[in-house]
PDB file of N, CA and C in Angstrom:
ATOM      1  N   MET A   1      69.157  63.327  85.745  1.00  0.00           N
ATOM      2  CA  MET A   1      69.902  64.316  84.999  1.00  0.00           C
ATOM      3  C   MET A   1      70.966  63.608  84.175  1.00  0.00           C
ATOM      4  N   ASP A   2      71.082  63.942  82.907  1.00  0.00           N
ATOM      5  CA  ASP A   2      72.028  63.292  82.004  1.00  0.00           C
ATOM      6  C   ASP A   2      73.425  63.883  82.077  1.00  0.00           C
ATOM      7  N   GLY A   3      73.596  64.958  82.740  1.00  0.00           N
ATOM      8  CA  GLY A   3      74.900  65.600  82.828  1.00  0.00           C
ATOM      9  C   GLY A   3      74.748  66.985  83.419  1.00  0.00           C
ATOM     10  N   TYR A   4      75.819  67.717  83.367  1.00  0.00           N
ATOM     11  CA  TYR A   4      75.852  69.047  83.956  1.00  0.00           C
ATOM     12  C   TYR A   4      76.045  70.095  82.877  1.00  0.00           C
ATOM     13  N   LYS A   5      75.586  71.285  83.179  1.00  0.00           N
ATOM     14  CA  LYS A   5      75.763  72.415  82.273  1.00  0.00           C
ATOM     15  C   LYS A   5      77.013  73.173  82.705  1.00  0.00           C
ATOM     16  N   HIS A   6      77.690  73.763  81.725  1.00  0.00           N
ATOM     17  CA  HIS A   6      78.914  74.505  81.991  1.00  0.00           C
ATOM     18  C   HIS A   6      78.746  75.933  81.495  1.00  0.00           C
ATOM     19  N   TYR A   7      79.207  76.859  82.315  1.00  0.00           N
ATOM     20  CA  TYR A   7      79.002  78.280  82.060  1.00  0.00           C
ATOM     21  C   TYR A   7      80.311  79.046  82.171  1.00  0.00           C
ATOM     22  N   ILE A   8      80.327  80.221  81.558  1.00  0.00           N
ATOM     23  CA  ILE A   8      81.394  81.185  81.767  1.00  0.00           C
ATOM     24  C   ILE A   8      80.769  82.500  82.207  1.00  0.00           C
ATOM     25  N   ARG A   9      81.574  83.297  82.878  1.00  0.00           N
ATOM     26  CA  ARG A   9      81.147  84.630  83.324  1.00  0.00           C
ATOM     27  C   ARG A   9      82.144  85.639  82.781  1.00  0.00           C
ATOM     28  N   LEU A  10      81.618  86.752  82.292  1.00  0.00           N
ATOM     29  CA  LEU A  10      82.439  87.812  81.709  1.00  0.00           C
ATOM     30  C   LEU A  10      82.457  89.037  82.608  1.00  0.00           C
ATOM     31  N   ASN A  11      83.525  89.825  82.477  1.00  0.00           N
ATOM     32  CA  ASN A  11      83.502  91.143  83.110  1.00  0.00           C
ATOM     33  C   ASN A  11      82.956  92.149  82.094  1.00  0.00           C
ATOM     34  N   GLY A  12      82.937  93.412  82.424  1.00  0.00           N
ATOM     35  CA  GLY A  12      82.371  94.434  81.550  1.00  0.00           C
ATOM     36  C   GLY A  12      83.088  94.596  80.225  1.00  0.00           C
ATOM     37  N   ALA A  13      84.338  94.147  80.157  1.00  0.00           N
ATOM     38  CA  ALA A  13      85.118  94.257  78.929  1.00  0.00           C
ATOM     39  C   ALA A  13      85.015  93.005  78.065  1.00  0.00           C
ATOM     40  N   GLY A  14      84.183  92.049  78.474  1.00  0.00           N
ATOM     41  CA  GLY A  14      84.022  90.821  77.710  1.00  0.00           C
ATOM     42  C   GLY A  14      85.105  89.790  77.969  1.00  0.00           C
ATOM     43  N   ILE A  15      85.867  89.986  79.014  1.00  0.00           N
ATOM     44  CA  ILE A  15      86.933  89.043  79.364  1.00  0.00           C
ATOM     45  C   ILE A  15      86.339  87.942  80.235  1.00  0.00           C
ATOM     46  N   ILE A  16      86.697  86.703  79.931  1.00  0.00           N
ATOM     47  CA  ILE A  16      86.184  85.552  80.680  1.00  0.00           C
ATOM     48  C   ILE A  16      86.908  85.481  82.021  1.00  0.00           C
ATOM     49  N   ILE A  17      86.145  85.665  83.102  1.00  0.00           N
ATOM     50  CA  ILE A  17      86.745  85.724  84.436  1.00  0.00           C
ATOM     51  C   ILE A  17      86.381  84.534  85.326  1.00  0.00           C
ATOM     52  N   HIS A  18      85.478  83.663  84.842  1.00  0.00           N
ATOM     53  CA  HIS A  18      85.059  82.540  85.677  1.00  0.00           C
ATOM     54  C   HIS A  18      84.428  81.478  84.798  1.00  0.00           C
ATOM     55  N   GLY A  19      84.719  80.235  85.114  1.00  0.00           N
ATOM     56  CA  GLY A  19      84.089  79.112  84.443  1.00  0.00           C
ATOM     57  C   GLY A  19      83.666  78.100  85.484  1.00  0.00           C
ATOM     58  N   PHE A  20      82.485  77.489  85.312  1.00  0.00           N
ATOM     59  CA  PHE A  20      81.991  76.592  86.351  1.00  0.00           C
ATOM     60  C   PHE A  20      80.957  75.620  85.796  1.00  0.00           C
ATOM     61  N   SER A  21      80.702  74.617  86.599  1.00  0.00           N
ATOM     62  CA  SER A  21      79.725  73.587  86.278  1.00  0.00           C
ATOM     63  C   SER A  21      78.515  73.756  87.192  1.00  0.00           C
ATOM     64  N   SER A  22      77.351  73.396  86.665  1.00  0.00           N
ATOM     65  CA  SER A  22      76.130  73.459  87.483  1.00  0.00           C
ATOM     66  C   SER A  22      76.157  72.428  88.618  1.00  0.00           C
ATOM     67  N   ALA A  23      77.148  71.535  88.604  1.00  0.00           N
ATOM     68  CA  ALA A  23      77.293  70.578  89.710  1.00  0.00           C
ATOM     69  C   ALA A  23      77.686  71.291  90.991  1.00  0.00           C
ATOM     70  N   PHE A  24      78.325  72.444  90.871  1.00  0.00           N
ATOM     71  CA  PHE A  24      78.874  73.123  92.035  1.00  0.00           C
ATOM     72  C   PHE A  24      78.364  74.545  92.238  1.00  0.00           C
ATOM     73  N   GLU A  25      77.786  75.133  91.221  1.00  0.00           N
ATOM     74  CA  GLU A  25      77.381  76.535  91.301  1.00  0.00           C
ATOM     75  C   GLU A  25      76.221  76.772  90.343  1.00  0.00           C
ATOM     76  N   GLN A  26      75.323  77.634  90.718  1.00  0.00           N
ATOM     77  CA  GLN A  26      74.207  77.989  89.849  1.00  0.00           C
ATOM     78  C   GLN A  26      74.536  79.286  89.111  1.00  0.00           C
ATOM     79  N   PRO A  27      74.144  79.381  87.853  1.00  0.00           N
ATOM     80  CA  PRO A  27      74.474  80.569  87.072  1.00  0.00           C
ATOM     81  C   PRO A  27      73.757  81.817  87.571  1.00  0.00           C
ATOM     82  N   GLN A  28      74.388  82.937  87.342  1.00  0.00           N
ATOM     83  CA  GLN A  28      73.810  84.246  87.627  1.00  0.00           C
ATOM     84  C   GLN A  28      73.323  84.834  86.306  1.00  0.00           C
ATOM     85  N   ASP A  29      72.521  85.881  86.413  1.00  0.00           N
ATOM     86  CA  ASP A  29      72.098  86.579  85.196  1.00  0.00           C
ATOM     87  C   ASP A  29      73.331  87.021  84.429  1.00  0.00           C
ATOM     88  N   GLY A  30      73.339  86.778  83.143  1.00  0.00           N
ATOM     89  CA  GLY A  30      74.458  87.178  82.302  1.00  0.00           C
ATOM     90  C   GLY A  30      75.484  86.093  82.067  1.00  0.00           C
ATOM     91  N   ASP A  31      75.480  85.017  82.872  1.00  0.00           N
ATOM     92  CA  ASP A  31      76.404  83.916  82.631  1.00  0.00           C
ATOM     93  C   ASP A  31      76.040  83.246  81.311  1.00  0.00           C
ATOM     94  N   ILE A  32      77.040  82.735  80.620  1.00  0.00           N
ATOM     95  CA  ILE A  32      76.839  82.177  79.285  1.00  0.00           C
ATOM     96  C   ILE A  32      76.998  80.661  79.326  1.00  0.00           C
ATOM     97  N   LEU A  33      75.980  79.969  78.851  1.00  0.00           N
ATOM     98  CA  LEU A  33      76.011  78.515  78.757  1.00  0.00           C
ATOM     99  C   LEU A  33      76.909  78.121  77.593  1.00  0.00           C
ATOM    100  N   ILE A  34      77.939  77.303  77.868  1.00  0.00           N
ATOM    101  CA  ILE A  34      78.839  76.879  76.795  1.00  0.00           C
ATOM    102  C   ILE A  34      78.731  75.385  76.494  1.00  0.00           C
ATOM    103  N   SER A  35      78.135  74.608  77.420  1.00  0.00           N
ATOM    104  CA  SER A  35      78.032  73.171  77.201  1.00  0.00           C
ATOM    105  C   SER A  35      76.893  72.606  78.031  1.00  0.00           C
ATOM    106  N   GLU A  36      76.084  71.767  77.427  1.00  0.00           N
ATOM    107  CA  GLU A  36      75.017  71.079  78.152  1.00  0.00           C
ATOM    108  C   GLU A  36      75.342  69.603  78.231  1.00  0.00           C
ATOM    109  N   TYR A  37      74.877  68.951  79.274  1.00  0.00           N
ATOM    110  CA  TYR A  37      75.010  67.503  79.436  1.00  0.00           C
ATOM    111  C   TYR A  37      76.460  67.044  79.390  1.00  0.00           C
ATOM    112  N   GLY A  38      77.305  67.780  80.076  1.00  0.00           N
ATOM    113  CA  GLY A  38      78.715  67.419  80.116  1.00  0.00           C
ATOM    114  C   GLY A  38      79.095  66.762  81.425  1.00  0.00           C
ATOM    115  N   PRO A  39      80.385  66.556  81.612  1.00  0.00           N
ATOM    116  CA  PRO A  39      80.872  65.959  82.847  1.00  0.00           C
ATOM    117  C   PRO A  39      80.692  66.907  84.028  1.00  0.00           C
ATOM    118  N   ARG A  40      80.992  66.409  85.185  1.00  0.00           N
ATOM    119  CA  ARG A  40      80.756  67.152  86.421  1.00  0.00           C
ATOM    120  C   ARG A  40      81.650  68.382  86.562  1.00  0.00           C
ATOM    121  N   HIS A  41      82.894  68.281  86.141  1.00  0.00           N
ATOM    122  CA  HIS A  41      83.856  69.361  86.378  1.00  0.00           C
ATOM    123  C   HIS A  41      84.068  70.217  85.128  1.00  0.00           C
ATOM    124  N   PHE A  42      84.109  71.507  85.328  1.00  0.00           N
ATOM    125  CA  PHE A  42      84.328  72.461  84.235  1.00  0.00           C
ATOM    126  C   PHE A  42      85.648  72.177  83.516  1.00  0.00           C
ATOM    127  N   GLN A  43      86.693  71.794  84.261  1.00  0.00           N
ATOM    128  CA  GLN A  43      88.010  71.568  83.679  1.00  0.00           C
ATOM    129  C   GLN A  43      88.005  70.414  82.681  1.00  0.00           C
ATOM    130  N   GLN A  44      87.030  69.525  82.760  1.00  0.00           N
ATOM    131  CA  GLN A  44      86.948  68.444  81.786  1.00  0.00           C
ATOM    132  C   GLN A  44      86.405  68.941  80.449  1.00  0.00           C
ATOM    133  N   VAL A  45      85.684  70.032  80.478  1.00  0.00           N
ATOM    134  CA  VAL A  45      85.148  70.639  79.260  1.00  0.00           C
ATOM    135  C   VAL A  45      86.145  71.659  78.714  1.00  0.00           C
ATOM    136  N   TRP A  46      86.807  72.374  79.612  1.00  0.00           N
ATOM    137  CA  TRP A  46      87.721  73.449  79.254  1.00  0.00           C
ATOM    138  C   TRP A  46      89.001  73.247  80.066  1.00  0.00           C
ATOM    139  N   PRO A  47      89.913  72.423  79.593  1.00  0.00           N
ATOM    140  CA  PRO A  47      91.082  72.074  80.399  1.00  0.00           C
ATOM    141  C   PRO A  47      92.125  73.186  80.539  1.00  0.00           C
ATOM    142  N   GLU A  48      92.112  74.156  79.641  1.00  0.00           N
ATOM    143  CA  GLU A  48      93.079  75.242  79.729  1.00  0.00           C
ATOM    144  C   GLU A  48      92.740  76.157  80.904  1.00  0.00           C
ATOM    145  N   SER A  49      93.741  76.629  81.584  1.00  0.00           N
ATOM    146  CA  SER A  49      93.534  77.552  82.698  1.00  0.00           C
ATOM    147  C   SER A  49      92.988  78.876  82.168  1.00  0.00           C
ATOM    148  N   LEU A  50      92.105  79.474  82.923  1.00  0.00           N
ATOM    149  CA  LEU A  50      91.569  80.783  82.533  1.00  0.00           C
ATOM    150  C   LEU A  50      92.577  81.898  82.762  1.00  0.00           C
ATOM    151  N   MET A  51      93.618  81.626  83.573  1.00  0.00           N
ATOM    152  CA  MET A  51      94.605  82.652  83.915  1.00  0.00           C
ATOM    153  C   MET A  51      96.004  82.234  83.467  1.00  0.00           C
ATOM    154  N   ASN A  52      96.814  83.231  83.178  1.00  0.00           N
ATOM    155  CA  ASN A  52      98.208  82.958  82.843  1.00  0.00           C
ATOM    156  C   ASN A  52      99.057  83.003  84.118  1.00  0.00           C
ATOM    157  N   GLU A  53     100.365  82.885  83.953  1.00  0.00           N
ATOM    158  CA  GLU A  53     101.267  82.845  85.103  1.00  0.00           C
ATOM    159  C   GLU A  53     101.320  84.165  85.873  1.00  0.00           C
ATOM    160  N   ARG A  54     100.885  85.266  85.271  1.00  0.00           N
ATOM    161  CA  ARG A  54     100.854  86.560  85.960  1.00  0.00           C
ATOM    162  C   ARG A  54      99.505  86.821  86.629  1.00  0.00           C
ATOM    163  N   GLY A  55      98.591  85.856  86.531  1.00  0.00           N
ATOM    164  CA  GLY A  55      97.278  86.030  87.140  1.00  0.00           C
ATOM    165  C   GLY A  55      96.318  86.836  86.290  1.00  0.00           C
ATOM    166  N   GLN A  56      96.595  86.950  85.005  1.00  0.00           N
ATOM    167  CA  GLN A  56      95.720  87.679  84.084  1.00  0.00           C
ATOM    168  C   GLN A  56      94.800  86.688  83.382  1.00  0.00           C
ATOM    169  N   TYR A  57      93.604  87.138  83.072  1.00  0.00           N
ATOM    170  CA  TYR A  57      92.658  86.297  82.341  1.00  0.00           C
ATOM    171  C   TYR A  57      93.090  86.192  80.888  1.00  0.00           C
ATOM    172  N   ARG A  58      93.125  84.967  80.366  1.00  0.00           N
ATOM    173  CA  ARG A  58      93.697  84.674  79.057  1.00  0.00           C
ATOM    174  C   ARG A  58      92.730  84.827  77.892  1.00  0.00           C
ATOM    175  N   TYR A  59      91.425  84.808  78.168  1.00  0.00           N
ATOM    176  CA  TYR A  59      90.458  84.743  77.075  1.00  0.00           C
ATOM    177  C   TYR A  59      89.414  85.855  77.166  1.00  0.00           C
ATOM    178  N   LYS A  60      88.870  86.182  76.002  1.00  0.00           N
ATOM    179  CA  LYS A  60      87.716  87.078  75.927  1.00  0.00           C
ATOM    180  C   LYS A  60      86.656  86.372  75.094  1.00  0.00           C
ATOM    181  N   TRP A  61      85.445  86.878  75.169  1.00  0.00           N
ATOM    182  CA  TRP A  61      84.309  86.293  74.460  1.00  0.00           C
ATOM    183  C   TRP A  61      83.869  87.296  73.415  1.00  0.00           C
ATOM    184  N   MET A  62      83.958  86.891  72.147  1.00  0.00           N
ATOM    185  CA  MET A  62      83.578  87.783  71.060  1.00  0.00           C
ATOM    186  C   MET A  62      82.741  87.015  70.052  1.00  0.00           C
ATOM    187  N   ASP A  63      81.599  87.566  69.733  1.00  0.00           N
ATOM    188  CA  ASP A  63      80.714  86.967  68.730  1.00  0.00           C
ATOM    189  C   ASP A  63      80.451  85.486  69.002  1.00  0.00           C
ATOM    190  N   GLY A  64      80.247  85.171  70.279  1.00  0.00           N
ATOM    191  CA  GLY A  64      79.913  83.810  70.659  1.00  0.00           C
ATOM    192  C   GLY A  64      81.070  82.837  70.626  1.00  0.00           C
ATOM    193  N   GLN A  65      82.296  83.359  70.611  1.00  0.00           N
ATOM    194  CA  GLN A  65      83.462  82.489  70.576  1.00  0.00           C
ATOM    195  C   GLN A  65      84.508  82.921  71.593  1.00  0.00           C
ATOM    196  N   ARG A  66      85.249  81.930  72.072  1.00  0.00           N
ATOM    197  CA  ARG A  66      86.376  82.192  72.963  1.00  0.00           C
ATOM    198  C   ARG A  66      87.560  82.603  72.101  1.00  0.00           C
ATOM    199  N   ILE A  67      88.142  83.753  72.434  1.00  0.00           N
ATOM    200  CA  ILE A  67      89.287  84.279  71.713  1.00  0.00           C
ATOM    201  C   ILE A  67      90.418  84.457  72.717  1.00  0.00           C
ATOM    202  N   GLU A  68      91.590  83.959  72.383  1.00  0.00           N
ATOM    203  CA  GLU A  68      92.739  84.164  73.268  1.00  0.00           C
ATOM    204  C   GLU A  68      93.215  85.604  73.128  1.00  0.00           C
ATOM    205  N   ARG A  69      93.455  86.237  74.267  1.00  0.00           N
ATOM    206  CA  ARG A  69      93.938  87.619  74.257  1.00  0.00           C
ATOM    207  C   ARG A  69      95.389  87.642  73.782  1.00  0.00           C
ATOM    208  N   SER A  70      95.735  88.669  73.018  1.00  0.00           N
ATOM    209  CA  SER A  70      97.091  88.762  72.477  1.00  0.00           C
ATOM    210  C   SER A  70      98.088  89.118  73.580  1.00  0.00           C
ATOM    211  N   GLN A  71      99.345  88.793  73.328  1.00  0.00           N
ATOM    212  CA  GLN A  71     100.386  89.142  74.295  1.00  0.00           C
ATOM    213  C   GLN A  71     100.482  90.651  74.457  1.00  0.00           C
ATOM    214  N   THR A  72     100.284  91.385  73.382  1.00  0.00           N
ATOM    215  CA  THR A  72     100.302  92.852  73.457  1.00  0.00           C
ATOM    216  C   THR A  72      99.187  93.350  74.375  1.00  0.00           C
ATOM    217  N   GLU A  73      98.002  92.789  74.224  1.00  0.00           N
ATOM    218  CA  GLU A  73      96.865  93.174  75.064  1.00  0.00           C
ATOM    219  C   GLU A  73      97.160  92.871  76.538  1.00  0.00           C
ATOM    220  N   LEU A  74      97.717  91.700  76.797  1.00  0.00           N
ATOM    221  CA  LEU A  74      98.047  91.325  78.174  1.00  0.00           C
ATOM    222  C   LEU A  74      99.145  92.226  78.738  1.00  0.00           C
ATOM    223  N   ASP A  75     100.158  92.524  77.935  1.00  0.00           N
ATOM    224  CA  ASP A  75     101.244  93.395  78.391  1.00  0.00           C
ATOM    225  C   ASP A  75     100.744  94.808  78.673  1.00  0.00           C
ATOM    226  N   ASP A  76      99.875  95.329  77.806  1.00  0.00           N
ATOM    227  CA  ASP A  76      99.311  96.665  78.031  1.00  0.00           C
ATOM    228  C   ASP A  76      98.523  96.701  79.335  1.00  0.00           C
ATOM    229  N   GLU A  77      97.726  95.669  79.575  1.00  0.00           N
ATOM    230  CA  GLU A  77      96.964  95.590  80.822  1.00  0.00           C
ATOM    231  C   GLU A  77      97.905  95.534  82.018  1.00  0.00           C
ATOM    232  N   TRP A  78      98.957  94.727  81.900  1.00  0.00           N
ATOM    233  CA  TRP A  78      99.921  94.567  82.992  1.00  0.00           C
ATOM    234  C   TRP A  78     100.613  95.895  83.308  1.00  0.00           C
ATOM    235  N   ASN A  79     101.015  96.599  82.272  1.00  0.00           N
ATOM    236  CA  ASN A  79     101.722  97.866  82.460  1.00  0.00           C
ATOM    237  C   ASN A  79     100.818  98.981  82.976  1.00  0.00           C
ATOM    238  N   ALA A  80      99.512  98.856  82.787  1.00  0.00           N
ATOM    239  CA  ALA A  80      98.570  99.887  83.234  1.00  0.00           C
ATOM    240  C   ALA A  80      98.085  99.672  84.662  1.00  0.00           C
ATOM    241  N   ARG A  81      98.468  98.554  85.281  1.00  0.00           N
ATOM    242  CA  ARG A  81      97.985  98.280  86.646  1.00  0.00           C
ATOM    243  C   ARG A  81      98.572  99.301  87.613  1.00  0.00           C
ATOM    244  N   PRO A  82      97.856  99.593  88.681  1.00  0.00           N
ATOM    245  CA  PRO A  82      98.361 100.567  89.649  1.00  0.00           C
ATOM    246  C   PRO A  82      99.617 100.035  90.337  1.00  0.00           C
ATOM    247  N   SER A  83     100.461 100.962  90.722  1.00  0.00           N
ATOM    248  CA  SER A  83     101.674 100.542  91.423  1.00  0.00           C
ATOM    249  C   SER A  83     101.306  99.958  92.784  1.00  0.00           C
ATOM    250  N   ALA A  84     102.174  99.120  93.270  1.00  0.00           N
ATOM    251  CA  ALA A  84     101.937  98.473  94.566  1.00  0.00           C
ATOM    252  C   ALA A  84     102.043  99.512  95.677  1.00  0.00           C
ATOM    253  N   PRO A  85     101.227  99.371  96.719  1.00  0.00           N
ATOM    254  CA  PRO A  85     101.342 100.300  97.848  1.00  0.00           C
ATOM    255  C   PRO A  85     102.689 100.109  98.530  1.00  0.00           C
ATOM    256  N   PRO A  86     103.167 101.137  99.229  1.00  0.00           N
ATOM    257  CA  PRO A  86     104.464 100.997  99.905  1.00  0.00           C
ATOM    258  C   PRO A  86     104.415  99.893 100.958  1.00  0.00           C
ATOM    259  N   SER A  87     105.546  99.213 101.095  1.00  0.00           N
ATOM    260  CA  SER A  87     105.637  98.149 102.094  1.00  0.00           C
ATOM    261  C   SER A  87     105.646  98.759 103.489  1.00  0.00           C
ATOM    262  N   VAL A  88     105.462  97.937 104.480  1.00  0.00           N
ATOM    263  CA  VAL A  88     105.503  98.405 105.867  1.00  0.00           C
ATOM    264  C   VAL A  88     106.867  99.023 106.155  1.00  0.00           C
ATOM    265  N   GLN A  89     107.942  98.390 105.667  1.00  0.00           N
ATOM    266  CA  GLN A  89     109.286  98.926 105.897  1.00  0.00           C
ATOM    267  C   GLN A  89     109.450 100.297 105.253  1.00  0.00           C
ATOM    268  N   GLU A  90     108.938 100.464 104.032  1.00  0.00           N
ATOM    269  CA  GLU A  90     109.024 101.762 103.358  1.00  0.00           C
ATOM    270  C   GLU A  90     108.248 102.828 104.128  1.00  0.00           C
ATOM    271  N   GLN A  91     107.089 102.458 104.648  1.00  0.00           N
ATOM    272  CA  GLN A  91     106.301 103.399 105.442  1.00  0.00           C
ATOM    273  C   GLN A  91     107.037 103.782 106.721  1.00  0.00           C
ATOM    274  N   LEU A  92     107.672 102.808 107.367  1.00  0.00           N
ATOM    275  CA  LEU A  92     108.436 103.091 108.590  1.00  0.00           C
ATOM    276  C   LEU A  92     109.629 103.991 108.285  1.00  0.00           C
ATOM    277  N   ASP A  93     110.342 103.694 107.208  1.00  0.00           N
ATOM    278  CA  ASP A  93     111.490 104.528 106.836  1.00  0.00           C
ATOM    279  C   ASP A  93     111.070 105.967 106.593  1.00  0.00           C
ATOM    280  N   LYS A  94     109.961 106.157 105.913  1.00  0.00           N
ATOM    281  CA  LYS A  94     109.460 107.510 105.638  1.00  0.00           C
ATOM    282  C   LYS A  94     109.079 108.214 106.944  1.00  0.00           C
ATOM    283  N   ALA A  95     108.425 107.494 107.840  1.00  0.00           N
ATOM    284  CA  ALA A  95     108.022 108.080 109.122  1.00  0.00           C
ATOM    285  C   ALA A  95     109.245 108.486 109.939  1.00  0.00           C
ATOM    286  N   VAL A  96     110.296 107.699 109.910  1.00  0.00           N
ATOM    287  CA  VAL A  96     111.529 108.024 110.648  1.00  0.00           C
ATOM    288  C   VAL A  96     112.146 109.295 110.086  1.00  0.00           C
ATOM    289  N   VAL A  97     112.202 109.407 108.770  1.00  0.00           N
ATOM    290  CA  VAL A  97     112.758 110.617 108.145  1.00  0.00           C
ATOM    291  C   VAL A  97     111.925 111.834 108.528  1.00  0.00           C
ATOM    292  N   GLU A  98     110.602 111.713 108.458  1.00  0.00           N
ATOM    293  CA  GLU A  98     109.733 112.840 108.800  1.00  0.00           C
ATOM    294  C   GLU A  98     109.876 113.217 110.267  1.00  0.00           C
ATOM    295  N   LEU A  99     109.957 112.236 111.147  1.00  0.00           N
ATOM    296  CA  LEU A  99     110.102 112.504 112.573  1.00  0.00           C
ATOM    297  C   LEU A  99     111.451 113.132 112.871  1.00  0.00           C
ATOM    298  N   THR A 100     112.496 112.634 112.235  1.00  0.00           N
ATOM    299  CA  THR A 100     113.834 113.186 112.426  1.00  0.00           C
ATOM    300  C   THR A 100     113.875 114.636 111.956  1.00  0.00           C
ATOM    301  N   THR A 101     113.260 114.923 110.848  1.00  0.00           N
ATOM    302  CA  THR A 101     113.202 116.287 110.318  1.00  0.00           C
ATOM    303  C   THR A 101     112.435 117.201 111.267  1.00  0.00           C
ATOM    304  N   LEU A 102     111.311 116.726 111.787  1.00  0.00           N
ATOM    305  CA  LEU A 102     110.504 117.513 112.715  1.00  0.00           C
ATOM    306  C   LEU A 102     111.277 117.813 113.999  1.00  0.00           C
ATOM    307  N   ILE A 103     111.967 116.832 114.534  1.00  0.00           N
ATOM    308  CA  ILE A 103     112.753 117.029 115.771  1.00  0.00           C
ATOM    309  C   ILE A 103     113.870 118.030 115.516  1.00  0.00           C
ATOM    310  N   ALA A 104     114.548 117.889 114.378  1.00  0.00           N
ATOM    311  CA  ALA A 104     115.627 118.830 114.048  1.00  0.00           C
ATOM    312  C   ALA A 104     115.108 120.235 113.914  1.00  0.00           C
ATOM    313  N   MET A 105     113.937 120.426 113.332  1.00  0.00           N
ATOM    314  CA  MET A 105     113.357 121.751 113.174  1.00  0.00           C
ATOM    315  C   MET A 105     113.001 122.351 114.528  1.00  0.00           C
ATOM    316  N   GLN A 106     112.463 121.533 115.432  1.00  0.00           N
ATOM    317  CA  GLN A 106     112.083 122.024 116.753  1.00  0.00           C
ATOM    318  C   GLN A 106     113.315 122.377 117.587  1.00  0.00           C
ATOM    319  N   GLN A 107     114.359 121.635 117.471  1.00  0.00           N
ATOM    320  CA  GLN A 107     115.579 121.900 118.241  1.00  0.00           C
ATOM    321  C   GLN A 107     116.312 123.117 117.695  1.00  0.00           C
ATOM    322  N   GLY A 108     116.200 123.361 116.438  1.00  0.00           N
ATOM    323  CA  GLY A 108     116.902 124.489 115.831  1.00  0.00           C
ATOM    324  C   GLY A 108     116.084 125.767 115.862  1.00  0.00           C
ATOM    325  N   GLY A 109     114.860 125.667 116.168  1.00  0.00           N
ATOM    326  CA  GLY A 109     113.987 126.825 116.015  1.00  0.00           C
ATOM    327  C   GLY A 109     113.603 127.457 117.241  1.00  0.00           C
TER     328      GLY A 109
END
């Protein structure tokens, strides 16, 4: 073998969510070949991280090209994410309030 093949994987919105080399992983249906006969590691072909500091995917695939997502696009995605579930402490605090209310109602009623 003269080298390794390098692939990317997209999600349904065309965002690049995974990059890999055939040295370590075999492509799935729909994976896109971006380089043949390259080095062993994907990072040697594509040194930029696929994710930004917030854990968002930085690139999309359009018309056979890698396009960097705009800051506006990333911010809109970030702002649309679901809120975090309540922490254990928040859940305990709520349970204490509910229990205290229930006890007060039973004692007064």
